[in-house]
C-alpha atoms as a PDB file:
ATOM      1  CA  MET A   1       9.341  38.559 -75.051  1.00  0.00           C
ATOM      2  CA  ALA A   2       9.149  36.001 -72.223  1.00  0.00           C
ATOM      3  CA  THR A   3      12.888  36.361 -71.653  1.00  0.00           C
ATOM      4  CA  ASP A   4      12.537  40.166 -71.487  1.00  0.00           C
ATOM      5  CA  LYS A   5       9.687  39.888 -68.977  1.00  0.00           C
ATOM      6  CA  LEU A   6      11.752  37.534 -66.844  1.00  0.00           C
ATOM      7  CA  GLY A   7      14.645  39.991 -66.906  1.00  0.00           C
ATOM      8  CA  ASP A   8      12.294  42.807 -65.931  1.00  0.00           C
ATOM      9  CA  MET A   9      10.994  40.745 -63.005  1.00  0.00           C
ATOM     10  CA  ARG A  10      14.558  40.043 -61.846  1.00  0.00           C
ATOM     11  CA  LEU A  11      15.416  43.735 -62.051  1.00  0.00           C
ATOM     12  CA  PHE A  12      12.275  44.722 -60.161  1.00  0.00           C
ATOM     13  CA  SER A  13      12.760  42.158 -57.352  1.00  0.00           C
ATOM     14  CA  THR A  14      16.453  43.027 -57.022  1.00  0.00           C
ATOM     15  CA  ALA A  15      15.654  46.749 -56.816  1.00  0.00           C
ATOM     16  CA  ALA A  16      13.065  46.014 -54.113  1.00  0.00           C
ATOM     17  CA  ALA A  17      15.609  43.987 -52.132  1.00  0.00           C
ATOM     18  CA  LEU A  18      18.427  46.543 -52.459  1.00  0.00           C
ATOM     19  CA  GLY A  19      16.241  49.637 -52.194  1.00  0.00           C
ATOM     20  CA  SER A  20      17.992  51.126 -55.218  1.00  0.00           C
ATOM     21  CA  LEU A  21      17.318  50.826 -58.923  1.00  0.00           C
ATOM     22  CA  SER A  22      20.857  51.834 -59.881  1.00  0.00           C
ATOM     23  CA  ALA A  23      22.335  49.256 -57.470  1.00  0.00           C
ATOM     24  CA  ALA A  24      20.052  46.604 -58.952  1.00  0.00           C
ATOM     25  CA  GLY A  25      21.163  47.619 -62.435  1.00  0.00           C
ATOM     26  CA  ARG A  26      24.834  47.338 -61.489  1.00  0.00           C
ATOM     27  CA  LYS A  27      24.246  43.888 -60.000  1.00  0.00           C
ATOM     28  CA  LEU A  28      22.559  42.728 -63.211  1.00  0.00           C
ATOM     29  CA  GLY A  29      25.024  44.435 -65.558  1.00  0.00           C
ATOM     30  CA  LEU A  30      22.751  47.303 -66.624  1.00  0.00           C
ATOM     31  CA  SER A  31      23.488  51.006 -66.805  1.00  0.00           C
ATOM     32  CA  PRO A  32      21.278  53.329 -64.710  1.00  0.00           C
ATOM     33  CA  ALA A  33      19.546  54.516 -67.892  1.00  0.00           C
ATOM     34  CA  ALA A  34      18.901  50.942 -69.086  1.00  0.00           C
ATOM     35  CA  ALA A  35      17.601  49.893 -65.662  1.00  0.00           C
ATOM     36  CA  SER A  36      15.253  52.882 -65.517  1.00  0.00           C
ATOM     37  CA  ALA A  37      13.984  52.179 -69.044  1.00  0.00           C
ATOM     38  CA  ARG A  38      13.305  48.515 -68.276  1.00  0.00           C
ATOM     39  CA  LEU A  39      11.410  49.361 -65.102  1.00  0.00           C
ATOM     40  CA  ALA A  40       9.349  51.961 -66.981  1.00  0.00           C
ATOM     41  CA  LYS A  41       8.555  49.356 -69.638  1.00  0.00           C
ATOM     42  CA  LEU A  42       7.429  46.880 -66.979  1.00  0.00           C
ATOM     43  CA  GLU A  43       5.199  49.442 -65.256  1.00  0.00           C
ATOM     44  CA  ALA A  44       3.679  50.415 -68.602  1.00  0.00           C
ATOM     45  CA  ALA A  45       2.950  46.766 -69.421  1.00  0.00           C
ATOM     46  CA  LEU A  46       1.305  46.286 -66.006  1.00  0.00           C
ATOM     47  CA  HIS A  47      -0.541  49.639 -66.156  1.00  0.00           C
ATOM     48  CA  THR A  48       0.539  50.413 -62.609  1.00  0.00           C
ATOM     49  CA  ARG A  49       3.316  52.090 -60.671  1.00  0.00           C
ATOM     50  CA  LEU A  50       5.484  49.616 -58.730  1.00  0.00           C
ATOM     51  CA  PHE A  51       7.703  52.094 -56.861  1.00  0.00           C
ATOM     52  CA  MET A  52       7.384  55.524 -55.331  1.00  0.00           C
ATOM     53  CA  ARG A  53      10.686  57.142 -56.361  1.00  0.00           C
ATOM     54  CA  THR A  54      12.500  60.146 -54.908  1.00  0.00           C
ATOM     55  CA  THR A  55      16.134  61.211 -55.185  1.00  0.00           C
ATOM     56  CA  ARG A  56      16.882  59.414 -51.903  1.00  0.00           C
ATOM     57  CA  GLN A  57      14.369  56.602 -51.622  1.00  0.00           C
ATOM     58  CA  LEU A  58      12.829  53.774 -53.605  1.00  0.00           C
ATOM     59  CA  ARG A  59       9.668  52.519 -51.901  1.00  0.00           C
ATOM     60  CA  LEU A  60       7.229  49.854 -53.063  1.00  0.00           C
ATOM     61  CA  THR A  61       3.650  50.872 -53.725  1.00  0.00           C
ATOM     62  CA  GLU A  62       0.878  48.600 -52.498  1.00  0.00           C
ATOM     63  CA  GLU A  63       0.583  47.221 -56.042  1.00  0.00           C
ATOM     64  CA  GLY A  64       4.348  46.739 -56.060  1.00  0.00           C
ATOM     65  CA  ARG A  65       4.210  44.669 -52.865  1.00  0.00           C
ATOM     66  CA  VAL A  66       1.546  42.408 -54.356  1.00  0.00           C
ATOM     67  CA  TYR A  67       3.468  41.967 -57.609  1.00  0.00           C
ATOM     68  CA  LEU A  68       6.748  41.363 -55.754  1.00  0.00           C
ATOM     69  CA  ALA A  69       5.280  38.444 -53.806  1.00  0.00           C
ATOM     70  CA  HIS A  70       4.305  36.690 -57.041  1.00  0.00           C
ATOM     71  CA  CYS A  71       7.568  37.584 -58.788  1.00  0.00           C
ATOM     72  CA  LEU A  72       9.554  35.958 -55.979  1.00  0.00           C
ATOM     73  CA  ILE A  73       7.504  32.766 -56.274  1.00  0.00           C
ATOM     74  CA  ALA A  74       7.979  32.676 -60.055  1.00  0.00           C
ATOM     75  CA  LEU A  75      11.719  33.361 -59.882  1.00  0.00           C
ATOM     76  CA  GLN A  76      12.158  30.785 -57.122  1.00  0.00           C
ATOM     77  CA  ALA A  77      10.308  28.198 -59.211  1.00  0.00           C
ATOM     78  CA  ILE A  78      12.642  28.860 -62.149  1.00  0.00           C
ATOM     79  CA  GLU A  79      15.677  28.618 -59.878  1.00  0.00           C
ATOM     80  CA  ASP A  80      14.390  25.342 -58.456  1.00  0.00           C
ATOM     81  CA  GLY A  81      13.800  23.957 -61.933  1.00  0.00           C
ATOM     82  CA  GLU A  82      17.305  24.865 -63.059  1.00  0.00           C
ATOM     83  CA  ALA A  83      18.819  23.346 -59.922  1.00  0.00           C
ATOM     84  CA  ALA A  84      16.839  20.151 -60.441  1.00  0.00           C
ATOM     85  CA  LEU A  85      18.111  19.822 -64.010  1.00  0.00           C
ATOM     86  CA  GLN A  86      21.705  20.484 -63.004  1.00  0.00           C
ATOM     87  CA  ALA A  87      21.897  18.336 -59.884  1.00  0.00           C
ATOM     88  CA  GLY A  88      18.991  15.901 -60.111  1.00  0.00           C
ATOM     89  CA  CYS A  89      15.589  16.179 -58.493  1.00  0.00           C
ATOM     90  CA  ALA A  90      16.794  14.590 -55.254  1.00  0.00           C
ATOM     91  CA  ALA A  91      19.507  17.210 -54.645  1.00  0.00           C
ATOM     92  CA  ILE A  92      19.222  18.865 -51.209  1.00  0.00           C
ATOM     93  CA  ARG A  93      20.710  22.275 -51.847  1.00  0.00           C
ATOM     94  CA  GLY A  94      19.813  25.955 -52.010  1.00  0.00           C
ATOM     95  CA  LYS A  95      18.125  28.405 -49.638  1.00  0.00           C
ATOM     96  CA  ILE A  96      15.195  27.604 -47.344  1.00  0.00           C
ATOM     97  CA  ARG A  97      13.209  30.471 -45.825  1.00  0.00           C
ATOM     98  CA  VAL A  98      11.830  29.571 -42.400  1.00  0.00           C
ATOM     99  CA  SER A  99       9.654  31.544 -39.967  1.00  0.00           C
ATOM    100  CA  ALA A 100       9.029  30.879 -36.264  1.00  0.00           C
ATOM    101  CA  SER A 101       8.275  32.639 -32.987  1.00  0.00           C
ATOM    102  CA  THR A 102      11.208  34.395 -31.323  1.00  0.00           C
ATOM    103  CA  ASP A 103      11.636  32.319 -28.162  1.00  0.00           C
ATOM    104  CA  PHE A 104      11.095  28.935 -29.805  1.00  0.00           C
ATOM    105  CA  GLY A 105      13.197  29.950 -32.799  1.00  0.00           C
ATOM    106  CA  THR A 106      16.102  31.103 -30.646  1.00  0.00           C
ATOM    107  CA  HIS A 107      16.239  28.320 -28.071  1.00  0.00           C
ATOM    108  CA  LYS A 108      14.871  25.253 -29.897  1.00  0.00           C
ATOM    109  CA  LEU A 109      14.609  25.655 -33.643  1.00  0.00           C
ATOM    110  CA  SER A 110      17.969  27.327 -34.239  1.00  0.00           C
ATOM    111  CA  PRO A 111      20.009  24.437 -32.733  1.00  0.00           C
ATOM    112  CA  TRP A 112      17.871  21.973 -34.702  1.00  0.00           C
ATOM    113  CA  LEU A 113      18.580  23.882 -37.915  1.00  0.00           C
ATOM    114  CA  ASP A 114      22.304  23.736 -37.124  1.00  0.00           C
ATOM    115  CA  GLU A 115      21.963  19.959 -36.991  1.00  0.00           C
ATOM    116  CA  PHE A 116      20.033  19.948 -40.269  1.00  0.00           C
ATOM    117  CA  THR A 117      22.660  22.010 -42.107  1.00  0.00           C
ATOM    118  CA  GLU A 118      25.419  19.757 -40.801  1.00  0.00           C
ATOM    119  CA  ARG A 119      23.575  16.912 -42.497  1.00  0.00           C
ATOM    120  CA  TYR A 120      23.040  18.939 -45.693  1.00  0.00           C
ATOM    121  CA  PRO A 121      26.003  21.347 -46.044  1.00  0.00           C
ATOM    122  CA  ASP A 122      24.745  22.786 -49.368  1.00  0.00           C
ATOM    123  CA  ILE A 123      21.682  24.272 -47.643  1.00  0.00           C
ATOM    124  CA  ARG A 124      21.493  27.980 -46.856  1.00  0.00           C
ATOM    125  CA  LEU A 125      18.945  29.335 -44.411  1.00  0.00           C
ATOM    126  CA  SER A 126      16.910  32.500 -44.079  1.00  0.00           C
ATOM    127  CA  LEU A 127      15.371  32.470 -40.592  1.00  0.00           C
ATOM    128  CA  THR A 128      12.748  35.064 -39.637  1.00  0.00           C
ATOM    129  CA  LEU A 129      11.774  35.194 -35.972  1.00  0.00           C
ATOM    130  CA  THR A 130       8.612  37.100 -35.125  1.00  0.00           C
ATOM    131  CA  ASP A 131       5.809  36.768 -32.606  1.00  0.00           C
ATOM    132  CA  SER A 132       3.316  38.108 -35.151  1.00  0.00           C
ATOM    133  CA  LEU A 133       1.918  35.789 -37.814  1.00  0.00           C
ATOM    134  CA  SER A 134       3.873  36.030 -41.053  1.00  0.00           C
ATOM    135  CA  ASN A 135       2.271  36.225 -44.467  1.00  0.00           C
ATOM    136  CA  LEU A 136       3.934  33.307 -46.223  1.00  0.00           C
ATOM    137  CA  VAL A 137       3.633  34.833 -49.703  1.00  0.00           C
ATOM    138  CA  GLN A 138       4.472  38.447 -48.945  1.00  0.00           C
ATOM    139  CA  ASP A 139       7.323  37.464 -46.600  1.00  0.00           C
ATOM    140  CA  ASP A 140       8.568  34.789 -49.045  1.00  0.00           C
ATOM    141  CA  VAL A 141       8.495  31.984 -46.456  1.00  0.00           C
ATOM    142  CA  ASP A 142       8.893  28.338 -47.478  1.00  0.00           C
ATOM    143  CA  LEU A 143       7.954  26.851 -44.104  1.00  0.00           C
ATOM    144  CA  ALA A 144       6.535  28.441 -40.941  1.00  0.00           C
ATOM    145  CA  ILE A 145       6.317  26.819 -37.511  1.00  0.00           C
ATOM    146  CA  ARG A 146       3.067  27.869 -35.857  1.00  0.00           C
ATOM    147  CA  PHE A 147       1.543  27.060 -32.483  1.00  0.00           C
ATOM    148  CA  SER A 148      -2.002  27.099 -33.814  1.00  0.00           C
ATOM    149  CA  GLU A 149      -3.863  25.517 -36.698  1.00  0.00           C
ATOM    150  CA  PRO A 150      -4.185  27.994 -39.590  1.00  0.00           C
ATOM    151  CA  ASP A 151      -7.704  28.749 -40.859  1.00  0.00           C
ATOM    152  CA  ASP A 152      -6.440  30.113 -44.205  1.00  0.00           C
ATOM    153  CA  GLY A 153      -7.487  27.852 -47.072  1.00  0.00           C
ATOM    154  CA  THR A 154      -4.442  28.914 -49.120  1.00  0.00           C
ATOM    155  CA  LEU A 155      -2.139  27.204 -46.608  1.00  0.00           C
ATOM    156  CA  VAL A 156      -1.201  23.555 -46.091  1.00  0.00           C
ATOM    157  CA  ALA A 157      -0.501  22.533 -42.478  1.00  0.00           C
ATOM    158  CA  ARG A 158       1.279  19.412 -41.193  1.00  0.00           C
ATOM    159  CA  ARG A 159       0.761  18.682 -37.486  1.00  0.00           C
ATOM    160  CA  LEU A 160       4.116  18.120 -35.801  1.00  0.00           C
ATOM    161  CA  ALA A 161       3.331  17.633 -32.108  1.00  0.00           C
ATOM    162  CA  PRO A 162       0.850  18.205 -29.283  1.00  0.00           C
ATOM    163  CA  MET A 163       0.604  21.702 -27.878  1.00  0.00           C
ATOM    164  CA  CYS A 164      -0.751  23.717 -25.013  1.00  0.00           C
ATOM    165  CA  ARG A 165       0.010  27.023 -23.385  1.00  0.00           C
ATOM    166  CA  VAL A 166       0.913  27.152 -19.708  1.00  0.00           C
ATOM    167  CA  LEU A 167       1.218  29.856 -17.105  1.00  0.00           C
ATOM    168  CA  CYS A 168       4.586  29.766 -15.395  1.00  0.00           C
ATOM    169  CA  ALA A 169       6.628  31.827 -12.961  1.00  0.00           C
ATOM    170  CA  SER A 170       9.959  31.655 -11.205  1.00  0.00           C
ATOM    171  CA  PRO A 171      10.168  29.938  -7.796  1.00  0.00           C
ATOM    172  CA  ASP A 172      11.340  33.291  -6.391  1.00  0.00           C
ATOM    173  CA  TYR A 173       8.218  35.087  -7.633  1.00  0.00           C
ATOM    174  CA  LEU A 174       5.922  32.371  -6.224  1.00  0.00           C
ATOM    175  CA  ALA A 175       7.758  32.443  -2.874  1.00  0.00           C
ATOM    176  CA  ARG A 176       7.147  36.192  -2.631  1.00  0.00           C
ATOM    177  CA  HIS A 177       3.576  36.342  -3.958  1.00  0.00           C
ATOM    178  CA  GLY A 178       2.135  32.886  -3.327  1.00  0.00           C
ATOM    179  CA  GLU A 179       0.947  30.285  -5.810  1.00  0.00           C
ATOM    180  CA  PRO A 180      -2.655  30.635  -7.079  1.00  0.00           C
ATOM    181  CA  ALA A 181      -4.783  27.549  -6.483  1.00  0.00           C
ATOM    182  CA  THR A 182      -7.546  28.391  -8.994  1.00  0.00           C
ATOM    183  CA  PRO A 183      -7.954  30.743 -11.964  1.00  0.00           C
ATOM    184  CA  ASP A 184     -10.067  33.009  -9.750  1.00  0.00           C
ATOM    185  CA  ALA A 185      -6.958  33.796  -7.686  1.00  0.00           C
ATOM    186  CA  LEU A 186      -5.038  35.247 -10.646  1.00  0.00           C
ATOM    187  CA  SER A 187      -6.354  38.777 -10.114  1.00  0.00           C
ATOM    188  CA  ALA A 188      -3.961  39.158  -7.162  1.00  0.00           C
ATOM    189  CA  HIS A 189      -0.870  38.512  -9.301  1.00  0.00           C
ATOM    190  CA  ARG A 190       1.512  40.330 -11.623  1.00  0.00           C
ATOM    191  CA  PHE A 191       1.823  39.378 -15.297  1.00  0.00           C
ATOM    192  CA  ILE A 192       4.131  39.572 -18.277  1.00  0.00           C
ATOM    193  CA  VAL A 193       2.196  39.863 -21.550  1.00  0.00           C
ATOM    194  CA  LEU A 194       3.348  39.291 -25.126  1.00  0.00           C
ATOM    195  CA  VAL A 195       2.049  41.933 -27.544  1.00  0.00           C
ATOM    196  CA  THR A 196       1.821  41.119 -31.265  1.00  0.00           C
ATOM    197  CA  ALA A 197       0.745  43.128 -34.281  1.00  0.00           C
ATOM    198  CA  ALA A 198      -2.781  41.825 -33.642  1.00  0.00           C
ATOM    199  CA  GLY A 199      -2.771  43.117 -30.055  1.00  0.00           C
ATOM    200  CA  PRO A 200      -1.852  41.895 -26.556  1.00  0.00           C
ATOM    201  CA  LEU A 201      -2.149  38.158 -25.806  1.00  0.00           C
ATOM    202  CA  ASN A 202      -3.693  38.811 -22.426  1.00  0.00           C
ATOM    203  CA  ASP A 203      -6.825  36.652 -22.648  1.00  0.00           C
ATOM    204  CA  PHE A 204      -6.264  33.319 -20.852  1.00  0.00           C
ATOM    205  CA  HIS A 205      -8.558  30.274 -20.976  1.00  0.00           C
ATOM    206  CA  PHE A 206      -8.649  27.352 -18.523  1.00  0.00           C
ATOM    207  CA  ARG A 207     -10.427  24.004 -18.338  1.00  0.00           C
ATOM    208  CA  ARG A 208     -10.894  21.364 -15.665  1.00  0.00           C
ATOM    209  CA  GLY A 209     -13.242  18.584 -16.633  1.00  0.00           C
ATOM    210  CA  GLU A 210     -16.324  20.282 -18.059  1.00  0.00           C
ATOM    211  CA  ALA A 211     -15.735  23.558 -16.221  1.00  0.00           C
ATOM    212  CA  THR A 212     -14.064  26.480 -18.003  1.00  0.00           C
ATOM    213  CA  TRP A 213     -12.624  29.811 -16.882  1.00  0.00           C
ATOM    214  CA  ARG A 214     -11.453  32.969 -18.604  1.00  0.00           C
ATOM    215  CA  PHE A 215      -9.107  35.594 -17.219  1.00  0.00           C
ATOM    216  CA  THR A 216      -8.055  38.830 -18.926  1.00  0.00           C
ATOM    217  CA  VAL A 217      -4.880  40.509 -17.684  1.00  0.00           C
ATOM    218  CA  PRO A 218      -5.333  44.272 -17.099  1.00  0.00           C
ATOM    219  CA  MET A 219      -2.644  45.762 -19.346  1.00  0.00           C
ATOM    220  CA  ALA A 220      -2.168  48.842 -17.155  1.00  0.00           C
ATOM    221  CA  GLN A 221      -0.546  46.639 -14.492  1.00  0.00           C
ATOM    222  CA  ALA A 222       1.332  44.286 -16.853  1.00  0.00           C
ATOM    223  CA  TRP A 223       4.890  44.174 -18.081  1.00  0.00           C
ATOM    224  CA  GLU A 224       4.583  43.972 -21.877  1.00  0.00           C
ATOM    225  CA  THR A 225       6.880  43.218 -24.769  1.00  0.00           C
ATOM    226  CA  ASN A 226       6.659  42.188 -28.415  1.00  0.00           C
ATOM    227  CA  ASP A 227       9.538  39.715 -27.971  1.00  0.00           C
ATOM    228  CA  GLY A 228       8.905  36.250 -26.520  1.00  0.00           C
ATOM    229  CA  THR A 229      12.546  35.894 -25.472  1.00  0.00           C
ATOM    230  CA  ILE A 230      12.339  39.069 -23.380  1.00  0.00           C
ATOM    231  CA  ALA A 231       9.081  37.836 -21.811  1.00  0.00           C
ATOM    232  CA  ARG A 232      10.841  34.594 -20.854  1.00  0.00           C
ATOM    233  CA  ARG A 233      13.797  36.476 -19.327  1.00  0.00           C
ATOM    234  CA  TRP A 234      11.496  38.703 -17.289  1.00  0.00           C
ATOM    235  CA  ALA A 235       9.740  35.611 -15.949  1.00  0.00           C
ATOM    236  CA  LEU A 236      13.092  34.054 -15.017  1.00  0.00           C
ATOM    237  CA  ASP A 237      13.942  37.335 -13.231  1.00  0.00           C
ATOM    238  CA  GLY A 238      10.774  37.038 -11.132  1.00  0.00           C
ATOM    239  CA  ARG A 239       8.848  39.932 -12.696  1.00  0.00           C
ATOM    240  CA  GLY A 240       5.562  38.013 -12.792  1.00  0.00           C
ATOM    241  CA  ILE A 241       3.569  35.173 -14.333  1.00  0.00           C
ATOM    242  CA  VAL A 242       3.967  34.625 -18.066  1.00  0.00           C
ATOM    243  CA  ARG A 243       2.025  32.488 -20.530  1.00  0.00           C
ATOM    244  CA  LYS A 244       4.285  30.383 -22.746  1.00  0.00           C
ATOM    245  CA  THR A 245       3.844  27.422 -25.039  1.00  0.00           C
ATOM    246  CA  LEU A 246       4.890  24.164 -23.440  1.00  0.00           C
ATOM    247  CA  TRP A 247       7.643  23.979 -26.067  1.00  0.00           C
ATOM    248  CA  ASP A 248       9.112  27.274 -24.844  1.00  0.00           C
ATOM    249  CA  ALA A 249       8.780  26.498 -21.124  1.00  0.00           C
ATOM    250  CA  ALA A 250       9.753  22.802 -20.906  1.00  0.00           C
ATOM    251  CA  ASP A 251      13.516  23.148 -20.460  1.00  0.00           C
ATOM    252  CA  ASP A 252      13.167  25.844 -17.779  1.00  0.00           C
ATOM    253  CA  VAL A 253      10.531  23.818 -15.928  1.00  0.00           C
ATOM    254  CA  ARG A 254      12.613  20.648 -15.995  1.00  0.00           C
ATOM    255  CA  ALA A 255      15.630  22.623 -14.735  1.00  0.00           C
ATOM    256  CA  GLY A 256      13.588  24.231 -11.941  1.00  0.00           C
ATOM    257  CA  ARG A 257      14.036  27.770 -13.267  1.00  0.00           C
ATOM    258  CA  LEU A 258      10.275  28.105 -13.842  1.00  0.00           C
ATOM    259  CA  LYS A 259       7.273  26.364 -12.335  1.00  0.00           C
ATOM    260  CA  ILE A 260       3.957  25.742 -14.079  1.00  0.00           C
ATOM    261  CA  VAL A 261       1.090  27.577 -12.389  1.00  0.00           C
ATOM    262  CA  LEU A 262      -2.376  25.978 -12.286  1.00  0.00           C
ATOM    263  CA  PRO A 263      -1.240  22.689 -13.931  1.00  0.00           C
ATOM    264  CA  ASP A 264      -4.661  21.094 -13.336  1.00  0.00           C
ATOM    265  CA  PHE A 265      -6.439  23.792 -15.371  1.00  0.00           C
ATOM    266  CA  ILE A 266      -4.534  23.592 -18.676  1.00  0.00           C
ATOM    267  CA  ALA A 267      -6.648  23.745 -21.839  1.00  0.00           C
ATOM    268  CA  LYS A 268      -5.142  21.601 -24.594  1.00  0.00           C
ATOM    269  CA  GLU A 269      -4.866  22.975 -28.121  1.00  0.00           C
ATOM    270  CA  PRO A 270      -4.782  21.390 -31.607  1.00  0.00           C
ATOM    271  CA  GLY A 271      -0.985  21.219 -31.919  1.00  0.00           C
ATOM    272  CA  VAL A 272       2.220  22.590 -33.434  1.00  0.00           C
ATOM    273  CA  TYR A 273       2.133  22.884 -37.234  1.00  0.00           C
ATOM    274  CA  ALA A 274       4.542  23.243 -40.121  1.00  0.00           C
ATOM    275  CA  VAL A 275       2.756  25.534 -42.568  1.00  0.00           C
ATOM    276  CA  ARG A 276       3.473  26.231 -46.224  1.00  0.00           C
ATOM    277  CA  HIS A 277       1.662  27.904 -49.087  1.00  0.00           C
ATOM    278  CA  ARG A 278      -0.609  25.619 -51.085  1.00  0.00           C
ATOM    279  CA  THR A 279       0.449  26.996 -54.477  1.00  0.00           C
ATOM    280  CA  ARG A 280       4.186  26.612 -53.886  1.00  0.00           C
ATOM    281  CA  TYR A 281       5.806  23.406 -55.133  1.00  0.00           C
ATOM    282  CA  MET A 282       7.574  21.596 -52.292  1.00  0.00           C
ATOM    283  CA  VAL A 283      11.125  21.326 -53.578  1.00  0.00           C
ATOM    284  CA  PRO A 284      13.423  18.576 -52.244  1.00  0.00           C
ATOM    285  CA  ARG A 285      15.191  20.815 -49.727  1.00  0.00           C
ATOM    286  CA  VAL A 286      11.903  21.899 -48.112  1.00  0.00           C
ATOM    287  CA  ARG A 287      10.667  18.293 -48.107  1.00  0.00           C
ATOM    288  CA  ALA A 288      13.913  17.256 -46.390  1.00  0.00           C
ATOM    289  CA  LEU A 289      13.525  19.952 -43.730  1.00  0.00           C
ATOM    290  CA  LEU A 290       9.901  18.999 -43.096  1.00  0.00           C
ATOM    291  CA  ASP A 291      10.852  15.328 -42.676  1.00  0.00           C
ATOM    292  CA  PHE A 292      13.671  16.347 -40.340  1.00  0.00           C
ATOM    293  CA  LEU A 293      11.348  18.487 -38.202  1.00  0.00           C
ATOM    294  CA  ILE A 294       8.718  15.737 -38.034  1.00  0.00           C
ATOM    295  CA  ASP A 295      11.357  13.382 -36.640  1.00  0.00           C
ATOM    296  CA  ARG A 296      12.847  16.007 -34.303  1.00  0.00           C
ATOM    297  CA  PHE A 297       9.474  16.938 -32.803  1.00  0.00           C
ATOM    298  CA  GLU A 298       8.567  13.270 -32.344  1.00  0.00           C
ATOM    299  CA  ARG A 299      11.836  12.529 -30.546  1.00  0.00           C
ATOM    300  CA  GLU A 300      11.435  15.565 -28.315  1.00  0.00           C
ATOM    301  CA  THR A 301       7.834  14.649 -27.527  1.00  0.00           C
ATOM    302  CA  ARG A 302       8.777  11.085 -26.541  1.00  0.00           C
ATOM    303  CA  ALA A 303      11.301  12.492 -24.086  1.00  0.00           C
ATOM    304  CA  TRP A 304       8.548  14.197 -22.096  1.00  0.00           C
ATOM    305  CA  PRO A 305       6.528  12.193 -19.536  1.00  0.00           C
ATOM    306  CA  ASP A 306       2.743  12.604 -19.740  1.00  0.00           C
ATOM    307  CA  VAL A 307       2.983  14.830 -22.818  1.00  0.00           C
ATOM    308  CA  ASP A 308      -0.565  13.903 -23.841  1.00  0.00           C
ATOM    309  CA  THR A 309      -1.825  15.734 -20.783  1.00  0.00           C
ATOM    310  CA  CYS A 310       0.461  18.677 -21.626  1.00  0.00           C
ATOM    311  CA  ARG A 311       2.478  18.218 -18.462  1.00  0.00           C
ATOM    312  CA  VAL A 312       6.254  18.407 -18.357  1.00  0.00           C
END
């Protein structure tokens, strides 16, 4: 019975990935009739419908999405156990699913991951870049790099480095529009705003000593995008002032392509975190990647002067 249930879970998760029950059946060596019967048996056992099926489309129900997240964890755990038995618990092999923001993932993390896979050639990567927070279970993520401390008790976070967000603009933009001396002067400027699934990130906070400021960018006058890499390119093109993490802006600032605006008013934040799900066993490959990232962030941080004050 357990073996049948496991086979049903594999069929279900494969059908969800391929978007086709018949394609999933072919991949697993089942006829269309056998695949349909097994899925029907699974739905009957669960007392719920997992897919909405038409002649052209196979779409997960809400219950199906919930069940899929747990199926993927269970199947991954079995795969990890089999790999450990075959190659030893210390083997660094298999697929790691990583999530990060678009700009950081493209310009920093991706080259680091190339270095990691050169060290461990049996590793395969699944890299998801998004500027909206990922759900680690539903998106099947082993490790997420986040620029804020998670407040979800189901997650485990490891601080990797200091962090702050800075306003920056191109020298050309500042030559044309002037450089604001205080947060109160920002209302005269143009802005580039990142928009996530939770809404626009247009609320800026500043601190100098005990004094604090808040500035909200009027979206009607802003350039807006849901892609951090596009926001960075627009800033380099002189479209306006953009808010970036120090990790995204550092190379451009050091090269003179961008300049930090209001450097004396930066509000420090808790840090950069590697985040994973509390219920997921940390297999050797994920442990190896975490150790690698801890070292890589530390080396990068040491290369920056005055990093504790969040200055480049």
